[in-house]
N, C-alpha and C. Protein backbone atom coordinates (compact mmCIF):
# COMPACT_ATOMS: atom_id res chain seq x y z
N MET A 1 84.28 113.77 130.34
CA MET A 1 84.41 112.59 129.51
C MET A 1 85.67 111.83 129.91
N THR A 2 85.55 110.57 129.91
CA THR A 2 86.67 109.72 130.30
C THR A 2 87.46 109.33 129.05
N PRO A 3 88.71 108.92 129.26
CA PRO A 3 89.51 108.49 128.11
C PRO A 3 88.87 107.33 127.35
N GLN A 4 88.10 106.50 128.06
CA GLN A 4 87.45 105.38 127.38
C GLN A 4 86.37 105.87 126.41
N GLN A 5 85.84 107.04 126.61
CA GLN A 5 84.84 107.61 125.72
C GLN A 5 85.50 108.46 124.62
N ILE A 6 86.64 109.07 124.92
CA ILE A 6 87.31 109.97 123.98
C ILE A 6 88.04 109.18 122.89
N PHE A 7 88.72 108.10 123.25
CA PHE A 7 89.52 107.35 122.28
C PHE A 7 88.67 106.79 121.13
N PRO A 8 87.52 106.18 121.38
CA PRO A 8 86.70 105.73 120.24
C PRO A 8 86.23 106.90 119.36
N LEU A 9 85.96 108.05 119.97
CA LEU A 9 85.53 109.22 119.21
C LEU A 9 86.67 109.71 118.31
N ILE A 10 87.88 109.74 118.85
CA ILE A 10 89.05 110.16 118.06
C ILE A 10 89.29 109.15 116.93
N GLY A 11 89.18 107.88 117.24
CA GLY A 11 89.38 106.84 116.22
C GLY A 11 88.33 106.95 115.11
N ALA A 12 87.09 107.19 115.47
CA ALA A 12 86.03 107.33 114.47
C ALA A 12 86.27 108.55 113.60
N THR A 13 86.71 109.66 114.21
CA THR A 13 86.97 110.88 113.46
C THR A 13 88.10 110.67 112.46
N ILE A 14 89.16 110.00 112.90
CA ILE A 14 90.28 109.71 112.00
C ILE A 14 89.84 108.79 110.86
N SER A 15 89.04 107.79 111.17
CA SER A 15 88.56 106.87 110.13
C SER A 15 87.70 107.59 109.10
N ILE A 16 86.79 108.43 109.58
CA ILE A 16 85.93 109.18 108.65
C ILE A 16 86.77 110.14 107.81
N GLY A 17 87.76 110.76 108.41
CA GLY A 17 88.66 111.65 107.66
C GLY A 17 89.42 110.89 106.59
N GLY A 18 89.88 109.70 106.93
CA GLY A 18 90.59 108.87 105.94
C GLY A 18 89.69 108.47 104.79
N ILE A 19 88.44 108.12 105.10
CA ILE A 19 87.49 107.73 104.05
C ILE A 19 87.22 108.92 103.12
N ILE A 20 87.03 110.09 103.69
CA ILE A 20 86.79 111.28 102.88
C ILE A 20 88.01 111.59 102.00
N PHE A 21 89.20 111.45 102.57
CA PHE A 21 90.43 111.70 101.81
C PHE A 21 90.57 110.73 100.65
N GLN A 22 90.36 109.43 100.90
CA GLN A 22 90.46 108.42 99.85
C GLN A 22 89.42 108.64 98.76
N THR A 23 88.21 109.04 99.14
CA THR A 23 87.16 109.34 98.16
C THR A 23 87.59 110.49 97.26
N GLY A 24 88.21 111.49 97.83
CA GLY A 24 88.71 112.62 97.05
C GLY A 24 89.80 112.20 96.08
N LYS A 25 90.70 111.33 96.52
CA LYS A 25 91.76 110.84 95.64
C LYS A 25 91.17 110.08 94.46
N HIS A 26 90.18 109.23 94.72
CA HIS A 26 89.56 108.46 93.64
C HIS A 26 88.78 109.36 92.69
N ALA A 27 88.15 110.39 93.22
CA ALA A 27 87.42 111.33 92.36
C ALA A 27 88.40 112.05 91.44
N ASP A 28 89.58 112.39 91.94
CA ASP A 28 90.59 113.04 91.12
C ASP A 28 91.07 112.09 90.02
N LYS A 29 91.26 110.80 90.35
CA LYS A 29 91.68 109.82 89.35
C LYS A 29 90.61 109.67 88.27
N LEU A 30 89.36 109.69 88.63
CA LEU A 30 88.29 109.58 87.65
C LEU A 30 88.29 110.79 86.72
N ASP A 31 88.59 111.95 87.25
CA ASP A 31 88.66 113.15 86.42
C ASP A 31 89.78 113.03 85.40
N ILE A 32 90.91 112.46 85.80
CA ILE A 32 92.03 112.26 84.88
C ILE A 32 91.62 111.28 83.79
N LEU A 33 90.93 110.21 84.14
CA LEU A 33 90.48 109.25 83.14
C LEU A 33 89.51 109.90 82.16
N TRP A 34 88.63 110.75 82.65
CA TRP A 34 87.66 111.40 81.77
C TRP A 34 88.37 112.27 80.74
N SER A 35 89.41 113.00 81.14
CA SER A 35 90.12 113.84 80.19
C SER A 35 90.88 113.00 79.19
N LYS A 36 91.35 111.82 79.58
CA LYS A 36 92.03 110.95 78.62
C LYS A 36 91.06 110.48 77.55
N VAL A 37 89.85 110.17 77.94
CA VAL A 37 88.84 109.74 76.97
C VAL A 37 88.57 110.86 75.98
N GLU A 38 88.45 112.09 76.46
CA GLU A 38 88.22 113.22 75.57
C GLU A 38 89.39 113.40 74.62
N ALA A 39 90.61 113.23 75.10
CA ALA A 39 91.78 113.38 74.25
C ALA A 39 91.79 112.30 73.17
N GLN A 40 91.41 111.08 73.51
CA GLN A 40 91.36 110.02 72.51
C GLN A 40 90.29 110.30 71.47
N GLU A 41 89.15 110.87 71.87
CA GLU A 41 88.11 111.20 70.91
C GLU A 41 88.60 112.28 69.95
N LYS A 42 89.32 113.27 70.46
CA LYS A 42 89.86 114.32 69.59
C LYS A 42 90.88 113.73 68.63
N LYS A 43 91.70 112.81 69.11
CA LYS A 43 92.69 112.18 68.25
C LYS A 43 92.00 111.39 67.15
N GLU A 44 90.94 110.67 67.50
CA GLU A 44 90.21 109.89 66.51
C GLU A 44 89.55 110.83 65.48
N GLU A 45 89.01 111.94 65.95
CA GLU A 45 88.39 112.91 65.05
C GLU A 45 89.44 113.47 64.08
N TYR A 46 90.63 113.77 64.58
CA TYR A 46 91.72 114.27 63.74
C TYR A 46 92.12 113.22 62.71
N MET A 47 92.22 111.97 63.15
CA MET A 47 92.59 110.89 62.24
C MET A 47 91.54 110.73 61.14
N ASN A 48 90.26 110.80 61.50
CA ASN A 48 89.20 110.67 60.51
C ASN A 48 89.26 111.80 59.49
N SER A 49 89.46 113.02 59.96
CA SER A 49 89.52 114.15 59.02
C SER A 49 90.74 114.01 58.10
N THR A 50 91.84 113.53 58.63
CA THR A 50 93.03 113.33 57.81
C THR A 50 92.79 112.24 56.77
N LEU A 51 92.12 111.16 57.16
CA LEU A 51 91.82 110.10 56.21
C LEU A 51 90.88 110.58 55.11
N TYR A 52 89.88 111.39 55.47
CA TYR A 52 88.97 111.93 54.45
C TYR A 52 89.73 112.83 53.47
N GLU A 53 90.67 113.60 53.99
CA GLU A 53 91.47 114.48 53.14
C GLU A 53 92.32 113.66 52.18
N ILE A 54 92.95 112.60 52.69
CA ILE A 54 93.78 111.73 51.84
C ILE A 54 92.92 111.06 50.78
N LYS A 55 91.74 110.59 51.18
CA LYS A 55 90.84 109.93 50.23
C LYS A 55 90.43 110.90 49.12
N GLY A 56 90.13 112.14 49.48
CA GLY A 56 89.78 113.15 48.49
C GLY A 56 90.92 113.41 47.53
N ASP A 57 92.14 113.48 48.05
CA ASP A 57 93.31 113.70 47.19
C ASP A 57 93.52 112.53 46.24
N LEU A 58 93.32 111.31 46.73
CA LEU A 58 93.46 110.14 45.87
C LEU A 58 92.42 110.13 44.75
N LYS A 59 91.19 110.51 45.07
CA LYS A 59 90.15 110.58 44.03
C LYS A 59 90.51 111.62 42.98
N THR A 60 91.04 112.76 43.42
CA THR A 60 91.45 113.81 42.48
C THR A 60 92.57 113.30 41.58
N LEU A 61 93.55 112.62 42.16
CA LEU A 61 94.66 112.06 41.37
C LEU A 61 94.16 111.01 40.38
N ALA A 62 93.23 110.17 40.81
CA ALA A 62 92.68 109.15 39.91
C ALA A 62 91.97 109.82 38.74
N HIS A 63 91.24 110.89 38.99
CA HIS A 63 90.55 111.61 37.92
C HIS A 63 91.58 112.23 36.97
N ASP A 64 92.63 112.82 37.53
CA ASP A 64 93.67 113.43 36.70
C ASP A 64 94.36 112.38 35.83
N ILE A 65 94.63 111.22 36.38
CA ILE A 65 95.29 110.15 35.62
C ILE A 65 94.39 109.67 34.49
N THR A 66 93.11 109.56 34.76
CA THR A 66 92.16 109.16 33.73
C THR A 66 92.15 110.19 32.59
N SER A 67 92.18 111.46 32.95
CA SER A 67 92.21 112.53 31.94
C SER A 67 93.50 112.46 31.11
N ILE A 68 94.61 112.20 31.77
CA ILE A 68 95.89 112.09 31.07
C ILE A 68 95.85 110.90 30.10
N LYS A 69 95.31 109.77 30.54
CA LYS A 69 95.19 108.61 29.65
C LYS A 69 94.35 108.92 28.42
N GLU A 70 93.24 109.62 28.62
CA GLU A 70 92.38 110.00 27.49
C GLU A 70 93.13 110.93 26.54
N ASP A 71 93.89 111.88 27.07
CA ASP A 71 94.66 112.80 26.23
C ASP A 71 95.71 112.04 25.42
N ILE A 72 96.38 111.08 26.05
CA ILE A 72 97.39 110.28 25.35
C ILE A 72 96.75 109.49 24.22
N CYS A 73 95.58 108.91 24.48
CA CYS A 73 94.88 108.16 23.43
C CYS A 73 94.51 109.10 22.26
N GLU A 74 94.07 110.31 22.56
CA GLU A 74 93.74 111.27 21.51
C GLU A 74 94.98 111.65 20.70
N ILE A 75 96.10 111.85 21.38
CA ILE A 75 97.35 112.19 20.68
C ILE A 75 97.77 111.04 19.77
N LYS A 76 97.67 109.79 20.26
CA LYS A 76 98.02 108.63 19.45
C LYS A 76 97.12 108.54 18.21
N ASP A 77 95.84 108.79 18.40
CA ASP A 77 94.90 108.75 17.28
C ASP A 77 95.25 109.81 16.24
N CYS A 78 95.62 111.00 16.69
CA CYS A 78 96.00 112.07 15.77
C CYS A 78 97.26 111.69 14.99
N TRP A 79 98.23 111.04 15.62
CA TRP A 79 99.46 110.63 14.95
C TRP A 79 99.18 109.53 13.93
N LYS A 80 98.26 108.62 14.30
CA LYS A 80 97.94 107.52 13.38
C LYS A 80 97.26 108.06 12.12
N ARG A 81 96.50 109.11 12.22
CA ARG A 81 95.77 109.66 11.07
C ARG A 81 96.72 110.36 10.10
N LYS A 82 97.83 110.85 10.57
CA LYS A 82 98.77 111.58 9.70
C LYS A 82 99.54 110.65 8.89
């Protein structure tokens, strides 16, 4: 083989190697992006569960306050009768 035949072969091999390397780098970047999406979904799930818990606590407090108001009204009624 002459150098005129070898040099294009070497150049093609280097080019194909570079393309394969760049494809691998981009595949790795896509994997990182995929894990970020999963992390955001978990964060959103945690936020939703926390909001549901807070909402439940607020409903419980509202019920307790209503009960306290009713008790106060009953106490006032008992005092008025005496």
